[in-house]
Structure formats: structure tokens, C-alpha cells
Protein backbone atom coordinates (compact mmCIF):
# COMPACT_ATOMS: atom_id res chain seq x y z
CA MET A 1 -50.27 2.52 -17.18
CA GLN A 2 -51.01 2.05 -13.45
CA SER A 3 -47.97 0.75 -11.55
CA PHE A 4 -47.43 0.26 -7.83
CA ASN A 5 -43.95 1.79 -8.12
CA LYS A 6 -45.21 5.20 -9.09
CA SER A 7 -44.63 7.79 -6.30
CA LYS A 8 -47.67 10.05 -6.64
CA LEU A 9 -47.53 13.47 -5.05
CA ASP A 10 -50.26 15.58 -3.36
CA ASP A 11 -51.01 19.20 -4.14
CA ASN A 12 -48.87 20.52 -1.24
CA GLN A 13 -45.85 18.52 -2.43
CA LEU A 14 -46.21 19.85 -5.96
CA LYS A 15 -46.52 23.45 -4.63
CA ASP A 16 -43.39 23.00 -2.51
CA ILE A 17 -41.38 21.71 -5.47
CA MET A 18 -42.43 24.48 -7.83
CA ASP A 19 -41.88 27.19 -5.17
CA HIS A 20 -38.36 25.73 -4.46
CA ALA A 21 -37.48 25.56 -8.20
CA PHE A 22 -39.06 28.73 -9.56
CA GLY A 23 -40.34 30.76 -6.61
CA GLN A 24 -43.85 30.48 -8.13
CA SER A 25 -47.20 29.10 -7.25
CA ILE A 26 -49.24 26.72 -9.42
CA GLN A 27 -52.21 27.52 -11.55
CA SER A 28 -53.02 23.93 -12.35
CA SER A 29 -51.53 20.43 -12.35
CA GLU A 30 -52.43 17.19 -14.15
CA GLU A 31 -50.98 13.68 -13.92
CA LEU A 32 -49.70 12.36 -17.23
CA THR A 33 -50.69 8.73 -17.28
CA GLU A 34 -48.91 7.29 -20.35
CA GLY A 35 -45.65 6.50 -18.54
CA TRP A 36 -44.95 2.95 -17.26
CA ALA A 37 -42.50 3.46 -14.35
CA ASN A 38 -42.13 7.08 -13.12
CA VAL A 39 -44.97 9.44 -12.35
CA ALA A 40 -45.16 12.73 -14.31
CA TYR A 41 -47.21 15.90 -13.95
CA GLU A 42 -47.98 18.69 -16.40
CA ILE A 43 -47.89 21.88 -14.39
CA VAL A 44 -48.91 25.40 -15.24
CA LEU A 45 -46.98 27.98 -13.25
CA ALA A 46 -48.31 31.31 -12.01
CA ASP A 47 -46.65 33.12 -14.93
CA GLY A 48 -48.44 30.83 -17.42
CA ARG A 49 -45.43 28.69 -18.26
CA LYS A 50 -45.96 24.91 -18.68
CA VAL A 51 -43.43 22.50 -17.33
CA VAL A 52 -43.34 18.77 -16.70
CA LEU A 53 -42.28 17.28 -13.32
CA LYS A 54 -41.00 13.73 -13.43
CA VAL A 55 -40.72 11.80 -10.14
CA ALA A 56 -38.75 8.57 -9.62
CA PRO A 57 -39.98 5.72 -7.45
CA SER A 58 -39.24 6.31 -3.74
CA LYS A 59 -36.23 4.54 -2.25
CA ASP A 60 -38.37 1.91 -0.58
CA LYS A 61 -39.73 0.58 -3.86
CA ARG A 62 -38.36 -2.66 -5.23
CA LEU A 63 -36.67 -1.99 -8.56
CA MET A 64 -35.14 -4.09 -11.26
CA ARG A 65 -31.35 -3.68 -11.57
CA CYS A 66 -31.75 -1.99 -15.00
CA GLU A 67 -34.00 0.65 -13.38
CA LYS A 68 -31.63 1.79 -10.64
CA ASN A 69 -30.11 5.22 -11.32
CA ASN A 70 -32.74 5.72 -14.12
CA MET A 71 -33.43 9.35 -13.30
CA ARG A 72 -29.71 10.28 -13.14
CA THR A 73 -29.25 8.36 -16.40
CA GLU A 74 -32.08 10.29 -18.09
CA VAL A 75 -30.85 13.70 -17.04
CA GLU A 76 -27.23 12.85 -18.16
CA ALA A 77 -28.46 11.43 -21.48
CA LEU A 78 -30.57 14.52 -22.18
CA ARG A 79 -27.53 16.72 -21.49
CA ILE A 80 -25.44 14.72 -23.98
CA VAL A 81 -28.10 14.72 -26.61
CA THR A 82 -28.63 18.48 -26.19
CA GLN A 83 -24.89 18.94 -26.81
CA ILE A 84 -25.13 16.91 -30.04
CA GLY A 85 -27.72 19.36 -31.30
CA GLY A 86 -30.45 19.05 -33.85
CA ILE A 87 -32.55 16.59 -31.81
CA PRO A 88 -35.79 17.73 -30.25
CA VAL A 89 -35.46 16.85 -26.57
CA PRO A 90 -36.79 18.75 -23.60
CA HIS A 91 -34.50 21.15 -21.66
CA VAL A 92 -33.96 20.14 -18.04
CA TYR A 93 -34.55 23.07 -15.68
CA VAL A 94 -33.96 21.38 -12.34
CA TYR A 95 -32.64 18.00 -11.17
CA ASP A 96 -32.88 17.24 -7.48
CA PRO A 97 -31.48 13.83 -6.33
CA SER A 98 -31.31 14.87 -2.66
CA CYS A 99 -34.69 13.43 -1.59
CA THR A 100 -35.14 16.31 0.85
CA LEU A 101 -38.38 17.90 -0.30
CA ILE A 102 -39.90 14.50 -1.12
CA ASP A 103 -38.75 10.93 -0.65
CA SER A 104 -37.83 10.61 -4.31
CA GLU A 105 -35.51 12.09 -6.95
CA TYR A 106 -37.16 14.41 -9.45
CA PHE A 107 -36.48 16.66 -12.30
CA ILE A 108 -38.39 19.44 -14.03
CA MET A 109 -38.24 19.73 -17.79
CA GLU A 110 -39.55 21.84 -20.64
CA TYR A 111 -43.11 21.05 -21.78
CA ILE A 112 -43.28 19.72 -25.35
CA GLU A 113 -46.25 20.42 -27.52
CA GLY A 114 -47.74 17.39 -29.24
CA ILE A 115 -49.27 14.00 -28.75
CA SER A 116 -47.50 10.64 -28.62
CA LEU A 117 -47.10 8.77 -31.93
CA ASN A 118 -48.51 5.70 -30.15
CA LYS A 119 -51.81 7.46 -29.75
CA ILE A 120 -52.24 8.62 -33.34
CA LYS A 121 -50.27 6.26 -35.56
CA ASP A 122 -53.28 4.10 -36.44
CA SER A 123 -55.19 7.18 -37.70
CA LEU A 124 -52.34 8.45 -39.89
CA LEU A 125 -52.24 7.99 -43.64
CA SER A 126 -49.46 5.65 -44.79
CA GLU A 127 -47.38 8.44 -46.25
CA GLU A 128 -47.74 10.54 -43.09
CA LEU A 129 -46.46 7.66 -40.87
CA GLN A 130 -43.63 6.96 -43.30
CA SER A 131 -42.54 10.62 -43.18
CA ILE A 132 -42.48 10.59 -39.43
CA GLU A 133 -40.66 7.29 -39.19
CA LYS A 134 -38.03 8.52 -41.67
CA GLN A 135 -37.50 11.58 -39.53
CA LEU A 136 -37.33 9.37 -36.45
CA GLY A 137 -34.59 7.33 -38.18
CA GLU A 138 -32.61 10.50 -38.74
CA TYR A 139 -32.93 11.50 -35.10
CA ASN A 140 -32.06 8.06 -33.87
CA ALA A 141 -28.89 8.02 -36.09
CA LEU A 142 -27.88 11.33 -34.53
CA ILE A 143 -28.38 9.91 -31.03
CA ASN A 144 -26.25 6.87 -31.89
CA SER A 145 -23.54 9.13 -33.38
CA CYS A 146 -22.40 10.03 -29.91
CA LYS A 147 -19.53 7.64 -29.04
CA GLY A 148 -18.43 6.52 -25.61
CA GLU A 149 -15.29 4.89 -24.29
CA LYS A 150 -16.78 1.70 -22.78
CA PHE A 151 -19.93 -0.32 -22.96
CA GLY A 152 -22.61 -0.66 -20.31
CA TYR A 153 -24.97 1.38 -17.99
CA PHE A 154 -24.09 5.06 -17.56
CA HIS A 155 -23.32 4.75 -13.89
CA ASP A 156 -21.64 1.37 -13.67
CA GLY A 157 -18.26 2.77 -12.85
CA ASP A 158 -15.68 -0.07 -12.78
CA ASP A 159 -18.25 -2.41 -14.41
CA LEU A 160 -18.07 -0.61 -17.74
CA THR A 161 -16.11 -2.73 -20.21
CA VAL A 162 -14.46 -2.58 -23.63
CA SER A 163 -16.31 -5.74 -24.60
CA TRP A 164 -19.91 -5.44 -25.78
CA ALA A 165 -20.42 -9.17 -25.34
CA VAL A 166 -19.44 -8.82 -21.68
CA ALA A 167 -21.57 -5.77 -21.16
CA PHE A 168 -24.67 -7.24 -22.77
CA ARG A 169 -24.20 -10.49 -20.84
CA LYS A 170 -24.34 -8.33 -17.70
CA LEU A 171 -27.48 -6.57 -18.93
CA ILE A 172 -29.32 -9.80 -19.51
CA ASN A 173 -27.93 -11.52 -16.43
CA ASP A 174 -29.24 -8.63 -14.31
CA VAL A 175 -32.76 -9.25 -15.58
CA LEU A 176 -32.48 -12.99 -15.04
CA GLN A 177 -31.28 -12.38 -11.46
CA ASP A 178 -34.21 -10.10 -10.90
CA GLY A 179 -36.58 -12.86 -12.01
CA ILE A 180 -34.89 -15.44 -9.81
CA GLU A 181 -34.98 -13.22 -6.74
CA ALA A 182 -38.63 -12.41 -7.28
CA GLY A 183 -39.54 -16.07 -7.78
CA ILE A 184 -41.03 -15.45 -11.17
CA ASP A 185 -42.06 -18.66 -12.96
CA LEU A 186 -41.30 -18.24 -16.66
CA SER A 187 -42.38 -21.86 -17.48
CA ILE A 188 -38.82 -22.16 -18.81
CA SER A 189 -35.87 -22.81 -16.51
CA TYR A 190 -33.47 -19.97 -15.98
CA SER A 191 -30.54 -22.36 -16.61
CA GLU A 192 -31.97 -23.23 -20.01
CA ILE A 193 -32.29 -19.57 -20.91
CA GLU A 194 -28.63 -18.95 -19.98
CA ILE A 195 -27.46 -21.85 -22.01
CA GLU A 196 -29.22 -20.54 -25.14
CA ILE A 197 -27.86 -17.05 -24.59
CA ASP A 198 -24.29 -18.27 -24.13
CA LYS A 199 -24.53 -20.25 -27.37
CA ARG A 200 -24.95 -16.95 -29.25
CA ILE A 201 -23.20 -14.35 -27.15
CA THR A 202 -19.91 -14.40 -29.15
CA THR A 203 -21.73 -12.93 -32.15
CA LEU A 204 -21.55 -9.60 -30.27
CA ASN A 205 -17.78 -9.56 -30.50
CA GLU A 206 -18.08 -7.87 -33.93
CA VAL A 207 -19.29 -4.73 -32.18
CA SER A 208 -16.26 -2.59 -31.19
CA GLU A 209 -17.56 0.97 -30.76
CA PRO A 210 -19.77 2.02 -27.80
CA CYS A 211 -22.56 4.28 -28.98
CA LEU A 212 -25.22 6.16 -27.00
CA VAL A 213 -28.33 4.08 -27.20
CA HIS A 214 -31.84 5.26 -26.22
CA TRP A 215 -33.18 1.63 -26.20
CA ASP A 216 -36.78 2.69 -25.42
CA LEU A 217 -37.56 4.74 -28.47
CA TRP A 218 -40.93 3.24 -29.19
CA PRO A 219 -43.89 5.33 -30.51
CA GLY A 220 -45.00 6.15 -26.91
CA ASN A 221 -41.79 8.24 -26.46
CA VAL A 222 -42.07 10.19 -29.69
CA PHE A 223 -44.24 13.34 -29.68
CA ILE A 224 -45.89 14.71 -32.86
CA HIS A 225 -47.04 18.22 -33.52
CA GLU A 226 -48.37 19.46 -36.86
CA GLY A 227 -47.24 16.34 -38.74
CA ARG A 228 -43.68 16.33 -37.47
CA ILE A 229 -41.69 15.03 -34.47
CA SER A 230 -41.73 17.76 -31.81
CA GLY A 231 -40.02 15.83 -28.99
CA ILE A 232 -38.19 12.61 -28.02
CA ILE A 233 -38.46 11.69 -24.32
CA ASP A 234 -37.72 8.96 -21.70
CA PHE A 235 -33.99 8.48 -21.99
CA GLU A 236 -34.03 6.70 -18.55
CA ARG A 237 -32.80 3.43 -19.89
CA ALA A 238 -30.05 4.83 -22.08
CA PHE A 239 -26.69 3.11 -22.09
CA TRP A 240 -23.52 2.67 -24.18
CA GLY A 241 -24.07 -0.17 -26.63
CA ASP A 242 -24.76 -1.43 -30.12
CA PRO A 243 -27.19 0.83 -32.13
CA LEU A 244 -28.82 -2.25 -33.52
CA ILE A 245 -30.47 -2.77 -30.14
CA GLU A 246 -32.71 0.26 -30.77
CA TYR A 247 -36.38 -0.43 -30.79
CA TYR A 248 -37.07 0.32 -34.48
CA PHE A 249 -34.57 -2.33 -35.65
CA GLY A 250 -36.59 -4.93 -33.71
CA LYS A 251 -39.46 -7.25 -34.31
CA PHE A 252 -42.23 -4.84 -33.15
CA ALA A 253 -41.35 -2.12 -35.69
CA GLN A 254 -39.44 -3.12 -38.85
CA SER A 255 -40.00 0.12 -40.74
CA ALA A 256 -38.40 0.67 -44.15
CA ALA A 257 -38.93 4.45 -43.71
CA PHE A 258 -37.07 4.45 -40.44
CA GLU A 259 -34.15 2.54 -42.01
CA GLU A 260 -34.03 5.03 -44.88
CA GLY A 261 -33.85 7.92 -42.47
CA TYR A 262 -31.31 6.13 -40.31
CA GLY A 263 -29.22 5.30 -43.32
CA LYS A 264 -28.97 1.52 -42.76
CA GLY A 265 -30.97 -1.61 -42.02
CA ILE A 266 -30.07 -5.12 -40.91
CA THR A 267 -28.53 -6.79 -43.85
CA SER A 268 -25.85 -9.29 -42.70
CA GLU A 269 -26.18 -12.63 -40.95
CA GLY A 270 -24.16 -11.28 -38.05
CA GLU A 271 -26.52 -8.34 -37.63
CA ARG A 272 -29.53 -10.71 -37.72
CA ASN A 273 -27.94 -12.87 -35.03
CA ARG A 274 -27.27 -9.81 -32.84
CA ARG A 275 -30.77 -8.60 -33.28
CA ALA A 276 -32.16 -12.03 -32.23
CA LEU A 277 -30.40 -11.58 -28.84
CA TYR A 278 -31.79 -8.06 -28.53
CA ASP A 279 -35.32 -9.05 -29.30
CA PHE A 280 -35.14 -11.79 -26.67
CA TYR A 281 -33.68 -9.32 -24.12
CA LEU A 282 -36.65 -7.04 -24.67
CA ASP A 283 -39.11 -9.92 -24.28
CA LEU A 284 -37.42 -10.87 -21.01
CA VAL A 285 -37.44 -7.34 -19.61
CA MET A 286 -41.12 -6.85 -20.45
CA VAL A 287 -42.15 -10.04 -18.60
CA ILE A 288 -40.08 -9.58 -15.51
CA GLU A 289 -41.02 -5.92 -15.00
CA CYS A 290 -44.71 -6.92 -14.69
CA ASP A 291 -43.89 -8.35 -11.21
CA TYR A 292 -41.59 -5.51 -10.13
CA ARG A 293 -43.94 -2.75 -11.23
CA GLN A 294 -47.05 -4.72 -10.05
CA TYR A 295 -49.07 -3.71 -13.07
CA GLU A 296 -52.79 -3.85 -12.60
CA ASN A 297 -53.64 -4.54 -16.30
CA GLN A 298 -54.12 -8.34 -16.41
CA GLU A 299 -54.44 -8.30 -20.17
CA HIS A 300 -51.01 -6.75 -20.51
CA ILE A 301 -49.49 -9.26 -18.06
CA GLN A 302 -50.96 -12.19 -20.01
CA TRP A 303 -49.66 -10.76 -23.28
CA ALA A 304 -46.12 -10.32 -21.79
CA PHE A 305 -45.93 -13.94 -20.77
CA ARG A 306 -47.28 -15.19 -24.13
CA ASN A 307 -44.92 -12.97 -25.95
CA PHE A 308 -41.97 -14.20 -23.88
CA GLU A 309 -42.76 -17.90 -24.53
CA GLU A 310 -43.24 -17.23 -28.27
CA GLY A 311 -40.08 -15.16 -28.35
CA PHE A 312 -37.99 -17.79 -26.60
CA ASN A 313 -39.13 -20.51 -28.96
CA LYS A 314 -38.26 -18.32 -31.90
CA PHE A 315 -34.90 -17.40 -30.30
CA LYS A 316 -33.94 -21.09 -29.86
CA LYS A 317 -34.47 -21.68 -33.56
CA HIS A 318 -32.27 -18.76 -34.56
CA LEU A 319 -28.67 -19.74 -34.92
């Protein structure tokens, strides 16, 4: 997806980074275009090794609050998940937040063989897709098995809290403030949105244990090789929260195979109420980020606004 916020590099910058990291020249480089926020390159080093370079938006780019510290979050989340073990995530070779070689943070990670599930899922047989989604449920449960001490963004410091309701209210308030500051017309007043959220926020009080949440584990972030999951990527929006906020528990997925692998589904009224909040949060993020990332795809932008309006109407009816 083309986005104004992507900080693309020229050949000389790529060469400088690889020489600094590995003391090697480059055989070839290719931009990976599936990502929505950061720019990424597949690079073949002089010794034949493949690596992936991921570059954050430069400091002068306007970012949503939930996107600040994304690169540091991703590197830290990958470190934690690697320590859990048993989950196919790329090894991070180098992380440079100094912005000295280039005007952006970057990290270099292991290349993962495979193709994204999003690209091939429509061509898979039903039983093949179910097998993959069951395996994904198992991996997602492992990710969520990591427990934290407080709820919220990784790098919120004193803003981390023992209350998931308070932490989630901050997550959603950040997105609303982003929309207000950017002057985004949602065709629904921001005050009306806040009223509807506050009517339901207390349902989150039943969540007492902060868990590591990927949040963005949609098919585009799952790599498949020889019929199995070969890699899970893009932990940049990870935080400490309620596992039911994960993508595959939401309205865009609803996979029985995933729930079988995970070991649970949404069964209680309280869980359904929580998930209604999380679905609306995703709808809100997807519409506000269109402005901040300055997407060029008008079809996607129109879909995001339609989806938001439909989602809000559904959300209001869910009590």
C-alpha cells in the first residue's frame, strides 16, 4: 500500500546501512510493498544471505499517537516472543534508533521464506485454510500467554495502569484526539462517539490480567511456506491488554479453526460486549489512519469510511 509516511531509501543509503551492520556490500535489493506504514526492503548481501530492512517514518512525518515508538515496540515484542519459544518470528540482527546514518529508526531482521496468507487464502482448499488457522490460533495463544504487570502501550511509562478499562479508554481517546486534531469529518460527532463508548467501558473491568497482544495479526502478517505457517511479523502495534482484542476474534475473521487452536472462543455476554468495543476501535483506527498516512488508494479510503459508519451503527445497537 502506498503511503506518504513511508521513508524510502536510495541505493547509497541501503549500502551504507548494510556496510555498517555487516561490513558487506549488496548484491540486490527490492522494496516489499505489502506493508501499510513502514517501508521494508529484501536485501541480498555479498555472501548470499537474505535479510529484511525495515525503516520507520522519519521524525518529520505526522503520526497517530498509537504509531509513536512503533519500531521500538516491535523490536521489544519480538525479543519477548523469541524468549517464549515455539513461535516462528524473525530474529532481529540490528536495531538502530539513533537516526545518524539516515533520518529514521530502522532494524534488520531475518528473512522468512513464504508468502503472506492474505495473498493465497482465496486459492486454498477449505481444509488447508482450516489447518493454517488452527495453527495460527495455537501461536496466538502462545503470544498471549506472556503476562505483563500493567495494561497499555509498551513505552507509556507512568501511563501504564492496573485497569484495562482505563488503558483501553486511553487507546481509543488517542485515536479520537488524532481525528479531532486532523479535522477529520466522520459524519458523526466526536462527542457522540465518546458517549457511546463510556456507556460500555465498564464491561472491561472483568479483565484483570495484562497479556501480550499482537493486535494486528491479520492474514497479511502471517507467512505460509509449504502449507504451514513459516513466520509471524509486524508486532509494531503490540501492547499489554485483553487477548480478546486480537484480530481473529473480531468481525473480519470469525474462524472456528482458529478458536479450536487457540483453545477458546467468545461465549459469554461479557465477552461479546468487550469484543463490540474492540471491533469499533479497529473501525476507528482504520478510518483515521487514512488521513495520517495519506493513502493514495481512493477505493480503500471510501471503504474505510463506509465500514466506520456501518460499524458505529452496529456498535450503538450492541448493549
